[in-house]
């Protein structure tokens, strides 16, 4: 799979907060930043490492959140324009979610509504990008900025959850976001009263934005993305939440299962090969980040009905058993 990228504009605003914090002796320069890989884009893995290193160096866990809350959405180009031109909080959040693939690869971001609460969840799908705690703070900070525009700063009944454990965040996150927080979740999420979706946003001088053209751009981008990569992202997204059914996934991608098999073969792959590789990489991620789970629980999260099937598959992938692999990780950690 090709390397996931994020718009270089993601770096906007970081310098204002980082340079305000004096560096420690022998610390990396505050201006250190990921290099552009393609015009206007940088490696997502490098950006995540950058956000982690900022907190490591400054010991200020609030920086990623503050950058997100004060981020200039106009630097996101047409996506930022579409968000800024929205008349309501819900419309702005929907545009952020729907157009996010133009800003960042290999990411699952959703807007959901359940009874009287709404939520925006955010998760990088690449299991090799970890830790990614403060990237989540930055991204949810942008969501928080949009909500606060509608509430005029009010922040009642808002809740957060994070993939990371509390000790991994290196600070009191509840004090930073001024809301209750939970940790060790499957995704990073901000929950808020659904009524906030209907709040009006301040008028913007941009006027109307051609959202249909943005939609066409997204379609073209998908057509240029190899099918193997599109399929892998759906598999990563749905592991531990949906059954991995070939027919359903093919429909979501926009083709019949027969056409999908043919196109995968043209790319030198198959549905089972993609599924096996995703499961293997996700299994290593689960062992690394969830030491409290049993082998059977991890097998279930990966879509195996029987953990013995997972054990056999894991041995085929790595040449060792899940128990031996976990034991080696524990020895390395100590």
C-alpha atoms as a PDB file:
ATOM      1  CA  UNK A   1       0.000   0.000   0.000  1.00  0.00           C
ATOM      2  CA  UNK A   2       1.159   3.533  -0.711  1.00  0.00           C
ATOM      3  CA  UNK A   3       2.030   5.835   2.161  1.00  0.00           C
ATOM      4  CA  UNK A   4      -0.883   7.769   3.662  1.00  0.00           C
ATOM      5  CA  UNK A   5      -0.613  11.549   3.421  1.00  0.00           C
ATOM      6  CA  UNK A   6      -2.195  14.642   4.944  1.00  0.00           C
ATOM      7  CA  UNK A   7      -2.384  18.153   3.564  1.00  0.00           C
ATOM      8  CA  UNK A   8       0.686  20.171   4.486  1.00  0.00           C
ATOM      9  CA  UNK A   9      -1.766  22.805   5.756  1.00  0.00           C
ATOM     10  CA  UNK A  10      -2.191  20.566   8.836  1.00  0.00           C
ATOM     11  CA  UNK A  11       1.005  22.223  10.108  1.00  0.00           C
ATOM     12  CA  UNK A  12      -0.576  25.677  10.074  1.00  0.00           C
ATOM     13  CA  UNK A  13      -0.717  27.273  13.501  1.00  0.00           C
ATOM     14  CA  UNK A  14       1.597  24.876  15.317  1.00  0.00           C
ATOM     15  CA  UNK A  15       4.529  27.289  15.285  1.00  0.00           C
ATOM     16  CA  UNK A  16       2.555  29.937  17.186  1.00  0.00           C
ATOM     17  CA  UNK A  17       2.176  27.598  20.162  1.00  0.00           C
ATOM     18  CA  UNK A  18       5.438  25.674  19.921  1.00  0.00           C
ATOM     19  CA  UNK A  19       7.692  28.718  19.676  1.00  0.00           C
ATOM     20  CA  UNK A  20       5.951  30.240  22.696  1.00  0.00           C
ATOM     21  CA  UNK A  21       7.353  27.363  24.785  1.00  0.00           C
ATOM     22  CA  UNK A  22      11.118  27.599  25.459  1.00  0.00           C
ATOM     23  CA  UNK A  23      12.942  24.459  24.267  1.00  0.00           C
ATOM     24  CA  UNK A  24      14.710  22.236  26.737  1.00  0.00           C
ATOM     25  CA  UNK A  25      18.489  21.772  26.448  1.00  0.00           C
ATOM     26  CA  UNK A  26      19.418  19.483  23.546  1.00  0.00           C
ATOM     27  CA  UNK A  27      15.785  19.286  22.420  1.00  0.00           C
ATOM     28  CA  UNK A  28      14.926  19.222  18.674  1.00  0.00           C
ATOM     29  CA  UNK A  29      14.356  22.632  17.140  1.00  0.00           C
ATOM     30  CA  UNK A  30      10.810  23.911  17.414  1.00  0.00           C
ATOM     31  CA  UNK A  31      10.695  24.449  13.680  1.00  0.00           C
ATOM     32  CA  UNK A  32      11.318  20.743  12.961  1.00  0.00           C
ATOM     33  CA  UNK A  33       8.461  19.585  10.785  1.00  0.00           C
ATOM     34  CA  UNK A  34       7.602  16.847   8.307  1.00  0.00           C
ATOM     35  CA  UNK A  35       8.827  17.275   4.737  1.00  0.00           C
ATOM     36  CA  UNK A  36       6.458  17.519   1.791  1.00  0.00           C
ATOM     37  CA  UNK A  37       6.301  14.247  -0.152  1.00  0.00           C
ATOM     38  CA  UNK A  38       4.066  15.520  -2.937  1.00  0.00           C
ATOM     39  CA  UNK A  39       3.032  19.110  -3.669  1.00  0.00           C
ATOM     40  CA  UNK A  40       0.870  20.260  -0.783  1.00  0.00           C
ATOM     41  CA  UNK A  41       1.022  16.933   1.106  1.00  0.00           C
ATOM     42  CA  UNK A  42       3.167  15.381   3.812  1.00  0.00           C
ATOM     43  CA  UNK A  43       3.427  11.883   5.221  1.00  0.00           C
ATOM     44  CA  UNK A  44       0.620  11.195   7.695  1.00  0.00           C
ATOM     45  CA  UNK A  45       2.965   9.058   9.804  1.00  0.00           C
ATOM     46  CA  UNK A  46       5.499  11.892   9.939  1.00  0.00           C
ATOM     47  CA  UNK A  47       2.840  14.419  10.901  1.00  0.00           C
ATOM     48  CA  UNK A  48       1.605  12.178  13.713  1.00  0.00           C
ATOM     49  CA  UNK A  49       5.163  11.732  14.972  1.00  0.00           C
ATOM     50  CA  UNK A  50       5.561  15.508  14.820  1.00  0.00           C
ATOM     51  CA  UNK A  51       2.467  16.095  16.982  1.00  0.00           C
ATOM     52  CA  UNK A  52       3.676  13.513  19.500  1.00  0.00           C
ATOM     53  CA  UNK A  53       7.147  15.036  19.614  1.00  0.00           C
ATOM     54  CA  UNK A  54       5.737  18.521  20.273  1.00  0.00           C
ATOM     55  CA  UNK A  55       4.080  17.293  23.475  1.00  0.00           C
ATOM     56  CA  UNK A  56       7.128  15.226  24.427  1.00  0.00           C
ATOM     57  CA  UNK A  57       9.440  18.194  24.074  1.00  0.00           C
ATOM     58  CA  UNK A  58       7.273  20.949  25.521  1.00  0.00           C
ATOM     59  CA  UNK A  59       5.521  18.778  28.108  1.00  0.00           C
ATOM     60  CA  UNK A  60       2.405  20.798  27.281  1.00  0.00           C
ATOM     61  CA  UNK A  61      -0.458  18.431  26.518  1.00  0.00           C
ATOM     62  CA  UNK A  62      -2.751  21.338  25.624  1.00  0.00           C
ATOM     63  CA  UNK A  63      -0.889  22.403  22.469  1.00  0.00           C
ATOM     64  CA  UNK A  64      -2.542  20.034  19.924  1.00  0.00           C
ATOM     65  CA  UNK A  65      -6.010  20.916  21.238  1.00  0.00           C
ATOM     66  CA  UNK A  66      -5.309  24.638  21.148  1.00  0.00           C
ATOM     67  CA  UNK A  67      -3.936  24.413  17.604  1.00  0.00           C
ATOM     68  CA  UNK A  68      -7.142  22.674  16.498  1.00  0.00           C
ATOM     69  CA  UNK A  69      -9.452  25.093  18.304  1.00  0.00           C
ATOM     70  CA  UNK A  70      -7.688  28.112  16.743  1.00  0.00           C
ATOM     71  CA  UNK A  71      -6.950  26.515  13.375  1.00  0.00           C
ATOM     72  CA  UNK A  72      -7.635  28.655  10.291  1.00  0.00           C
ATOM     73  CA  UNK A  73     -10.095  26.512   8.339  1.00  0.00           C
ATOM     74  CA  UNK A  74      -9.532  28.695   5.300  1.00  0.00           C
ATOM     75  CA  UNK A  75      -6.119  27.047   4.876  1.00  0.00           C
ATOM     76  CA  UNK A  76      -7.936  23.832   3.909  1.00  0.00           C
ATOM     77  CA  UNK A  77      -8.803  25.227   0.479  1.00  0.00           C
ATOM     78  CA  UNK A  78     -12.190  24.333  -0.966  1.00  0.00           C
ATOM     79  CA  UNK A  79     -12.965  22.036   1.967  1.00  0.00           C
ATOM     80  CA  UNK A  80     -12.358  24.857   4.426  1.00  0.00           C
ATOM     81  CA  UNK A  81     -14.400  27.208   2.260  1.00  0.00           C
ATOM     82  CA  UNK A  82     -17.299  24.753   2.265  1.00  0.00           C
ATOM     83  CA  UNK A  83     -17.157  24.449   6.057  1.00  0.00           C
ATOM     84  CA  UNK A  84     -16.932  28.209   6.554  1.00  0.00           C
ATOM     85  CA  UNK A  85     -19.858  28.788   4.200  1.00  0.00           C
ATOM     86  CA  UNK A  86     -22.138  26.422   6.134  1.00  0.00           C
ATOM     87  CA  UNK A  87     -25.107  28.036   7.843  1.00  0.00           C
ATOM     88  CA  UNK A  88     -25.444  25.546  10.705  1.00  0.00           C
ATOM     89  CA  UNK A  89     -23.146  23.515  12.938  1.00  0.00           C
ATOM     90  CA  UNK A  90     -24.533  20.249  11.558  1.00  0.00           C
ATOM     91  CA  UNK A  91     -23.916  21.283   7.955  1.00  0.00           C
ATOM     92  CA  UNK A  92     -20.351  22.337   8.741  1.00  0.00           C
ATOM     93  CA  UNK A  93     -19.593  19.068  10.538  1.00  0.00           C
ATOM     94  CA  UNK A  94     -21.197  17.029   7.756  1.00  0.00           C
ATOM     95  CA  UNK A  95     -19.012  18.768   5.189  1.00  0.00           C
ATOM     96  CA  UNK A  96     -15.897  18.179   7.287  1.00  0.00           C
ATOM     97  CA  UNK A  97     -16.721  14.467   7.489  1.00  0.00           C
ATOM     98  CA  UNK A  98     -17.851  14.025   3.878  1.00  0.00           C
ATOM     99  CA  UNK A  99     -14.883  15.869   2.371  1.00  0.00           C
ATOM    100  CA  UNK A 100     -12.217  14.699   4.794  1.00  0.00           C
ATOM    101  CA  UNK A 101     -10.722  12.262   2.278  1.00  0.00           C
ATOM    102  CA  UNK A 102      -9.491  15.298   0.323  1.00  0.00           C
ATOM    103  CA  UNK A 103      -7.486  16.336   3.379  1.00  0.00           C
ATOM    104  CA  UNK A 104      -6.145  13.067   4.778  1.00  0.00           C
ATOM    105  CA  UNK A 105      -5.806   9.439   3.691  1.00  0.00           C
ATOM    106  CA  UNK A 106      -6.569   6.226   5.552  1.00  0.00           C
ATOM    107  CA  UNK A 107      -8.882   7.769   8.138  1.00  0.00           C
ATOM    108  CA  UNK A 108     -12.337   6.906   9.431  1.00  0.00           C
ATOM    109  CA  UNK A 109     -14.283  10.000  10.476  1.00  0.00           C
ATOM    110  CA  UNK A 110     -18.020   9.901  11.114  1.00  0.00           C
ATOM    111  CA  UNK A 111     -20.885  12.110  12.238  1.00  0.00           C
ATOM    112  CA  UNK A 112     -23.616  10.167  14.045  1.00  0.00           C
ATOM    113  CA  UNK A 113     -26.831  11.063  15.824  1.00  0.00           C
ATOM    114  CA  UNK A 114     -28.543   8.881  18.384  1.00  0.00           C
ATOM    115  CA  UNK A 115     -31.637  10.193  20.150  1.00  0.00           C
ATOM    116  CA  UNK A 116     -30.657  13.416  21.923  1.00  0.00           C
ATOM    117  CA  UNK A 117     -26.877  13.105  21.461  1.00  0.00           C
ATOM    118  CA  UNK A 118     -24.629  13.521  18.412  1.00  0.00           C
ATOM    119  CA  UNK A 119     -20.988  12.575  17.968  1.00  0.00           C
ATOM    120  CA  UNK A 120     -18.008  12.963  15.675  1.00  0.00           C
ATOM    121  CA  UNK A 121     -15.546  10.081  15.822  1.00  0.00           C
ATOM    122  CA  UNK A 122     -12.059  10.079  14.328  1.00  0.00           C
ATOM    123  CA  UNK A 123      -9.554   7.270  13.867  1.00  0.00           C
ATOM    124  CA  UNK A 124      -6.501   6.744  11.690  1.00  0.00           C
ATOM    125  CA  UNK A 125      -6.909   3.313  10.108  1.00  0.00           C
ATOM    126  CA  UNK A 126      -3.262   2.456   9.470  1.00  0.00           C
ATOM    127  CA  UNK A 127      -2.346   0.167  12.412  1.00  0.00           C
ATOM    128  CA  UNK A 128       1.339   0.961  12.053  1.00  0.00           C
ATOM    129  CA  UNK A 129       0.806   4.633  12.960  1.00  0.00           C
ATOM    130  CA  UNK A 130       1.015   4.551  16.738  1.00  0.00           C
ATOM    131  CA  UNK A 131       1.158   6.354  19.096  1.00  0.00           C
ATOM    132  CA  UNK A 132      -1.253   8.873  17.620  1.00  0.00           C
ATOM    133  CA  UNK A 133      -2.732  10.398  20.746  1.00  0.00           C
ATOM    134  CA  UNK A 134      -2.135  14.078  20.086  1.00  0.00           C
ATOM    135  CA  UNK A 135      -3.106  13.955  16.433  1.00  0.00           C
ATOM    136  CA  UNK A 136      -6.527  12.986  17.809  1.00  0.00           C
ATOM    137  CA  UNK A 137      -6.469  16.012  20.134  1.00  0.00           C
ATOM    138  CA  UNK A 138      -5.701  18.273  17.166  1.00  0.00           C
ATOM    139  CA  UNK A 139      -8.425  16.809  14.947  1.00  0.00           C
ATOM    140  CA  UNK A 140     -11.089  16.898  17.656  1.00  0.00           C
ATOM    141  CA  UNK A 141      -9.986  20.449  18.406  1.00  0.00           C
ATOM    142  CA  UNK A 142     -11.089  21.431  14.889  1.00  0.00           C
ATOM    143  CA  UNK A 143     -14.462  19.778  15.532  1.00  0.00           C
ATOM    144  CA  UNK A 144     -14.679  21.606  18.856  1.00  0.00           C
ATOM    145  CA  UNK A 145     -13.973  24.891  17.099  1.00  0.00           C
ATOM    146  CA  UNK A 146     -16.963  24.394  14.780  1.00  0.00           C
ATOM    147  CA  UNK A 147     -19.275  23.491  17.659  1.00  0.00           C
ATOM    148  CA  UNK A 148     -18.174  26.496  19.703  1.00  0.00           C
ATOM    149  CA  UNK A 149     -18.851  28.808  16.783  1.00  0.00           C
ATOM    150  CA  UNK A 150     -22.480  27.766  16.989  1.00  0.00           C
ATOM    151  CA  UNK A 151     -22.756  27.794  20.781  1.00  0.00           C
ATOM    152  CA  UNK A 152     -20.849  31.095  20.993  1.00  0.00           C
ATOM    153  CA  UNK A 153     -18.438  29.397  23.379  1.00  0.00           C
ATOM    154  CA  UNK A 154     -20.924  27.404  25.487  1.00  0.00           C
ATOM    155  CA  UNK A 155     -19.675  23.912  26.294  1.00  0.00           C
ATOM    156  CA  UNK A 156     -22.377  22.054  28.221  1.00  0.00           C
ATOM    157  CA  UNK A 157     -22.896  18.267  28.272  1.00  0.00           C
ATOM    158  CA  UNK A 158     -19.897  17.624  26.001  1.00  0.00           C
ATOM    159  CA  UNK A 159     -17.951  14.368  26.500  1.00  0.00           C
ATOM    160  CA  UNK A 160     -14.784  12.888  24.997  1.00  0.00           C
ATOM    161  CA  UNK A 161     -13.332   9.431  24.529  1.00  0.00           C
ATOM    162  CA  UNK A 162      -9.851   8.526  23.294  1.00  0.00           C
ATOM    163  CA  UNK A 163      -8.109   5.447  21.909  1.00  0.00           C
ATOM    164  CA  UNK A 164      -5.154   6.013  24.218  1.00  0.00           C
ATOM    165  CA  UNK A 165      -5.102   5.101  27.866  1.00  0.00           C
ATOM    166  CA  UNK A 166      -5.123   8.018  30.280  1.00  0.00           C
ATOM    167  CA  UNK A 167      -1.465   7.629  31.295  1.00  0.00           C
ATOM    168  CA  UNK A 168      -0.387   7.672  27.637  1.00  0.00           C
ATOM    169  CA  UNK A 169      -1.795  11.171  27.125  1.00  0.00           C
ATOM    170  CA  UNK A 170       0.879  12.675  29.426  1.00  0.00           C
ATOM    171  CA  UNK A 171      -1.440  15.126  31.138  1.00  0.00           C
ATOM    172  CA  UNK A 172      -4.891  15.930  32.507  1.00  0.00           C
ATOM    173  CA  UNK A 173      -6.893  15.932  29.273  1.00  0.00           C
ATOM    174  CA  UNK A 174     -10.154  16.675  31.092  1.00  0.00           C
ATOM    175  CA  UNK A 175      -8.787  20.037  32.199  1.00  0.00           C
ATOM    176  CA  UNK A 176      -7.565  20.781  28.673  1.00  0.00           C
ATOM    177  CA  UNK A 177     -10.905  20.133  26.935  1.00  0.00           C
ATOM    178  CA  UNK A 178     -13.036  21.217  29.935  1.00  0.00           C
ATOM    179  CA  UNK A 179     -15.188  18.096  29.712  1.00  0.00           C
ATOM    180  CA  UNK A 180     -15.403  14.530  31.059  1.00  0.00           C
ATOM    181  CA  UNK A 181     -13.085  12.070  29.268  1.00  0.00           C
ATOM    182  CA  UNK A 182     -12.870   8.291  28.973  1.00  0.00           C
ATOM    183  CA  UNK A 183      -9.928   6.299  27.635  1.00  0.00           C
ATOM    184  CA  UNK A 184      -9.062   3.012  25.937  1.00  0.00           C
ATOM    185  CA  UNK A 185     -11.906   3.400  23.426  1.00  0.00           C
ATOM    186  CA  UNK A 186     -12.031   2.008  19.889  1.00  0.00           C
ATOM    187  CA  UNK A 187     -12.105   5.503  18.438  1.00  0.00           C
ATOM    188  CA  UNK A 188     -11.512   9.120  19.396  1.00  0.00           C
ATOM    189  CA  UNK A 189     -14.847  10.844  19.821  1.00  0.00           C
ATOM    190  CA  UNK A 190     -16.543  14.032  20.912  1.00  0.00           C
ATOM    191  CA  UNK A 191     -20.194  13.695  21.999  1.00  0.00           C
ATOM    192  CA  UNK A 192     -22.516  16.643  22.414  1.00  0.00           C
ATOM    193  CA  UNK A 193     -26.249  17.429  22.573  1.00  0.00           C
ATOM    194  CA  UNK A 194     -27.813  16.829  19.169  1.00  0.00           C
ATOM    195  CA  UNK A 195     -29.621  20.164  19.435  1.00  0.00           C
ATOM    196  CA  UNK A 196     -26.273  21.847  18.787  1.00  0.00           C
ATOM    197  CA  UNK A 197     -26.377  20.566  15.202  1.00  0.00           C
ATOM    198  CA  UNK A 198     -29.190  23.009  14.454  1.00  0.00           C
ATOM    199  CA  UNK A 199     -27.396  26.058  15.846  1.00  0.00           C
ATOM    200  CA  UNK A 200     -26.722  28.834  13.346  1.00  0.00           C
ATOM    201  CA  UNK A 201     -23.138  29.735  12.533  1.00  0.00           C
ATOM    202  CA  UNK A 202     -21.953  33.329  12.153  1.00  0.00           C
ATOM    203  CA  UNK A 203     -22.469  34.647   8.633  1.00  0.00           C
ATOM    204  CA  UNK A 204     -19.460  34.299   6.362  1.00  0.00           C
ATOM    205  CA  UNK A 205     -18.606  36.566   3.442  1.00  0.00           C
ATOM    206  CA  UNK A 206     -17.761  33.569   1.237  1.00  0.00           C
ATOM    207  CA  UNK A 207     -21.317  33.116   0.101  1.00  0.00           C
ATOM    208  CA  UNK A 208     -22.106  29.878  -1.722  1.00  0.00           C
ATOM    209  CA  UNK A 209     -19.630  27.093  -2.483  1.00  0.00           C
ATOM    210  CA  UNK A 210     -19.958  24.569  -5.323  1.00  0.00           C
ATOM    211  CA  UNK A 211     -20.284  21.430  -3.212  1.00  0.00           C
ATOM    212  CA  UNK A 212     -21.145  19.401  -6.329  1.00  0.00           C
ATOM    213  CA  UNK A 213     -17.688  20.093  -7.722  1.00  0.00           C
ATOM    214  CA  UNK A 214     -16.152  18.945  -4.446  1.00  0.00           C
ATOM    215  CA  UNK A 215     -18.150  15.744  -4.759  1.00  0.00           C
ATOM    216  CA  UNK A 216     -16.867  15.195  -8.282  1.00  0.00           C
ATOM    217  CA  UNK A 217     -13.303  15.721  -7.072  1.00  0.00           C
ATOM    218  CA  UNK A 218     -13.794  13.044  -4.416  1.00  0.00           C
ATOM    219  CA  UNK A 219     -15.144  10.610  -7.018  1.00  0.00           C
ATOM    220  CA  UNK A 220     -12.126  11.217  -9.253  1.00  0.00           C
ATOM    221  CA  UNK A 221      -9.782  10.699  -6.333  1.00  0.00           C
ATOM    222  CA  UNK A 222     -11.403   7.346  -5.552  1.00  0.00           C
ATOM    223  CA  UNK A 223     -11.072   6.239  -9.157  1.00  0.00           C
ATOM    224  CA  UNK A 224      -7.333   6.966  -9.046  1.00  0.00           C
ATOM    225  CA  UNK A 225      -6.855   4.989  -5.823  1.00  0.00           C
ATOM    226  CA  UNK A 226      -5.901   1.317  -6.369  1.00  0.00           C
ATOM    227  CA  UNK A 227      -8.727  -1.038  -5.455  1.00  0.00           C
ATOM    228  CA  UNK A 228      -6.468  -2.921  -3.025  1.00  0.00           C
ATOM    229  CA  UNK A 229      -6.047   0.258  -0.970  1.00  0.00           C
ATOM    230  CA  UNK A 230      -9.738   1.146  -1.041  1.00  0.00           C
ATOM    231  CA  UNK A 231     -10.638  -2.378   0.054  1.00  0.00           C
ATOM    232  CA  UNK A 232      -8.028  -2.406   2.833  1.00  0.00           C
ATOM    233  CA  UNK A 233      -9.401   0.820   4.297  1.00  0.00           C
ATOM    234  CA  UNK A 234     -12.923  -0.621   4.457  1.00  0.00           C
ATOM    235  CA  UNK A 235     -11.602  -3.797   6.100  1.00  0.00           C
ATOM    236  CA  UNK A 236      -9.634  -1.847   8.715  1.00  0.00           C
ATOM    237  CA  UNK A 237     -12.686   0.301   9.373  1.00  0.00           C
ATOM    238  CA  UNK A 238     -15.028  -2.636   9.863  1.00  0.00           C
ATOM    239  CA  UNK A 239     -12.858  -5.056  11.841  1.00  0.00           C
ATOM    240  CA  UNK A 240     -14.390  -5.326  15.323  1.00  0.00           C
ATOM    241  CA  UNK A 241     -17.587  -3.576  14.261  1.00  0.00           C
ATOM    242  CA  UNK A 242     -19.087  -5.365  11.229  1.00  0.00           C
ATOM    243  CA  UNK A 243     -18.840  -8.753   9.627  1.00  0.00           C
ATOM    244  CA  UNK A 244     -16.375  -8.669   6.735  1.00  0.00           C
ATOM    245  CA  UNK A 245     -18.735  -9.688   3.941  1.00  0.00           C
ATOM    246  CA  UNK A 246     -17.436  -9.587   0.397  1.00  0.00           C
ATOM    247  CA  UNK A 247     -20.807  -8.816  -1.192  1.00  0.00           C
ATOM    248  CA  UNK A 248     -21.554  -5.895   1.119  1.00  0.00           C
ATOM    249  CA  UNK A 249     -18.093  -4.377   0.775  1.00  0.00           C
ATOM    250  CA  UNK A 250     -18.222  -4.674  -3.018  1.00  0.00           C
ATOM    251  CA  UNK A 251     -21.538  -2.797  -3.077  1.00  0.00           C
ATOM    252  CA  UNK A 252     -20.081  -0.081  -0.861  1.00  0.00           C
ATOM    253  CA  UNK A 253     -17.089   0.309  -3.147  1.00  0.00           C
ATOM    254  CA  UNK A 254     -19.516   0.561  -6.070  1.00  0.00           C
ATOM    255  CA  UNK A 255     -19.231  -2.702  -7.977  1.00  0.00           C
ATOM    256  CA  UNK A 256     -20.391  -6.295  -7.980  1.00  0.00           C
ATOM    257  CA  UNK A 257     -18.356  -8.861  -6.068  1.00  0.00           C
ATOM    258  CA  UNK A 258     -17.485 -10.515  -9.386  1.00  0.00           C
ATOM    259  CA  UNK A 259     -16.141  -7.245 -10.797  1.00  0.00           C
ATOM    260  CA  UNK A 260     -14.240  -6.606  -7.582  1.00  0.00           C
ATOM    261  CA  UNK A 261     -12.573 -10.024  -7.758  1.00  0.00           C
ATOM    262  CA  UNK A 262     -11.604  -9.421 -11.377  1.00  0.00           C
ATOM    263  CA  UNK A 263     -10.137  -5.984 -10.685  1.00  0.00           C
ATOM    264  CA  UNK A 264      -8.248  -7.256  -7.646  1.00  0.00           C
ATOM    265  CA  UNK A 265      -6.779 -10.028  -9.796  1.00  0.00           C
ATOM    266  CA  UNK A 266      -5.659  -7.390 -12.299  1.00  0.00           C
ATOM    267  CA  UNK A 267      -3.795  -5.708  -9.424  1.00  0.00           C
ATOM    268  CA  UNK A 268      -2.210  -9.041  -8.487  1.00  0.00           C
ATOM    269  CA  UNK A 269      -4.277  -9.609  -5.367  1.00  0.00           C
ATOM    270  CA  UNK A 270      -7.495 -11.156  -4.060  1.00  0.00           C
ATOM    271  CA  UNK A 271     -10.112 -10.410  -1.424  1.00  0.00           C
ATOM    272  CA  UNK A 272      -8.681 -13.060   0.897  1.00  0.00           C
ATOM    273  CA  UNK A 273      -5.133 -11.761   0.517  1.00  0.00           C
ATOM    274  CA  UNK A 274      -6.208  -8.229   1.424  1.00  0.00           C
ATOM    275  CA  UNK A 275      -8.259  -9.509   4.371  1.00  0.00           C
ATOM    276  CA  UNK A 276      -5.373 -11.656   5.651  1.00  0.00           C
ATOM    277  CA  UNK A 277      -2.851  -8.804   5.441  1.00  0.00           C
ATOM    278  CA  UNK A 278      -5.209  -6.405   7.235  1.00  0.00           C
ATOM    279  CA  UNK A 279      -5.897  -8.955   9.954  1.00  0.00           C
ATOM    280  CA  UNK A 280      -2.204  -9.642  10.435  1.00  0.00           C
ATOM    281  CA  UNK A 281      -1.257  -5.956  10.747  1.00  0.00           C
ATOM    282  CA  UNK A 282      -4.257  -5.274  12.986  1.00  0.00           C
ATOM    283  CA  UNK A 283      -3.388  -8.269  15.186  1.00  0.00           C
ATOM    284  CA  UNK A 284       0.102  -6.869  15.801  1.00  0.00           C
ATOM    285  CA  UNK A 285      -1.508  -3.517  16.606  1.00  0.00           C
ATOM    286  CA  UNK A 286      -3.914  -5.107  19.088  1.00  0.00           C
ATOM    287  CA  UNK A 287      -1.091  -6.940  20.869  1.00  0.00           C
ATOM    288  CA  UNK A 288       0.895  -3.740  21.121  1.00  0.00           C
ATOM    289  CA  UNK A 289      -1.908  -1.460  22.314  1.00  0.00           C
ATOM    290  CA  UNK A 290      -4.281  -3.763  24.233  1.00  0.00           C
ATOM    291  CA  UNK A 291      -2.210  -6.013  26.514  1.00  0.00           C
ATOM    292  CA  UNK A 292      -5.239  -6.513  28.772  1.00  0.00           C
ATOM    293  CA  UNK A 293      -7.214  -8.440  26.119  1.00  0.00           C
ATOM    294  CA  UNK A 294      -7.094 -12.217  25.912  1.00  0.00           C
ATOM    295  CA  UNK A 295      -6.114 -14.033  22.714  1.00  0.00           C
ATOM    296  CA  UNK A 296      -9.746 -15.069  22.292  1.00  0.00           C
ATOM    297  CA  UNK A 297     -10.922 -11.454  22.605  1.00  0.00           C
ATOM    298  CA  UNK A 298      -8.415 -10.276  20.012  1.00  0.00           C
ATOM    299  CA  UNK A 299      -9.465 -13.086  17.684  1.00  0.00           C
ATOM    300  CA  UNK A 300     -13.081 -11.944  18.014  1.00  0.00           C
ATOM    301  CA  UNK A 301     -12.103  -8.333  17.295  1.00  0.00           C
ATOM    302  CA  UNK A 302     -10.454  -9.536  14.086  1.00  0.00           C
ATOM    303  CA  UNK A 303     -13.581 -11.356  12.937  1.00  0.00           C
ATOM    304  CA  UNK A 304     -12.691 -14.934  13.885  1.00  0.00           C
ATOM    305  CA  UNK A 305     -15.523 -16.990  15.357  1.00  0.00           C
ATOM    306  CA  UNK A 306     -12.990 -19.440  16.856  1.00  0.00           C
ATOM    307  CA  UNK A 307      -9.723 -18.291  18.371  1.00  0.00           C
ATOM    308  CA  UNK A 308      -8.090 -21.537  17.218  1.00  0.00           C
ATOM    309  CA  UNK A 309      -8.538 -20.336  13.615  1.00  0.00           C
ATOM    310  CA  UNK A 310      -6.818 -17.101  14.550  1.00  0.00           C
ATOM    311  CA  UNK A 311      -3.969 -18.990  16.229  1.00  0.00           C
ATOM    312  CA  UNK A 312      -3.358 -21.052  13.090  1.00  0.00           C
ATOM    313  CA  UNK A 313      -3.504 -17.964  10.858  1.00  0.00           C
ATOM    314  CA  UNK A 314      -1.157 -16.025  13.146  1.00  0.00           C
ATOM    315  CA  UNK A 315       1.377 -18.859  13.112  1.00  0.00           C
ATOM    316  CA  UNK A 316       1.179 -18.911   9.316  1.00  0.00           C
ATOM    317  CA  UNK A 317       1.840 -15.144   9.186  1.00  0.00           C
ATOM    318  CA  UNK A 318       4.620 -14.903  11.744  1.00  0.00           C
ATOM    319  CA  UNK A 319       5.994 -18.406  12.295  1.00  0.00           C
ATOM    320  CA  UNK A 320       5.086 -18.286  15.980  1.00  0.00           C
ATOM    321  CA  UNK A 321       2.011 -18.464  18.210  1.00  0.00           C
ATOM    322  CA  UNK A 322       0.074 -15.454  19.519  1.00  0.00           C
ATOM    323  CA  UNK A 323       1.056 -16.379  23.087  1.00  0.00           C
ATOM    324  CA  UNK A 324       4.770 -16.494  22.185  1.00  0.00           C
ATOM    325  CA  UNK A 325       4.506 -13.193  20.303  1.00  0.00           C
ATOM    326  CA  UNK A 326       2.805 -11.472  23.243  1.00  0.00           C
ATOM    327  CA  UNK A 327       5.414 -12.866  25.634  1.00  0.00           C
ATOM    328  CA  UNK A 328       8.232 -11.487  23.454  1.00  0.00           C
ATOM    329  CA  UNK A 329       6.561  -8.048  23.448  1.00  0.00           C
ATOM    330  CA  UNK A 330       6.317  -8.135  27.236  1.00  0.00           C
ATOM    331  CA  UNK A 331      10.015  -8.980  27.538  1.00  0.00           C
ATOM    332  CA  UNK A 332      10.924  -6.155  25.182  1.00  0.00           C
ATOM    333  CA  UNK A 333       8.806  -3.670  27.151  1.00  0.00           C
ATOM    334  CA  UNK A 334      10.645  -4.549  30.349  1.00  0.00           C
END
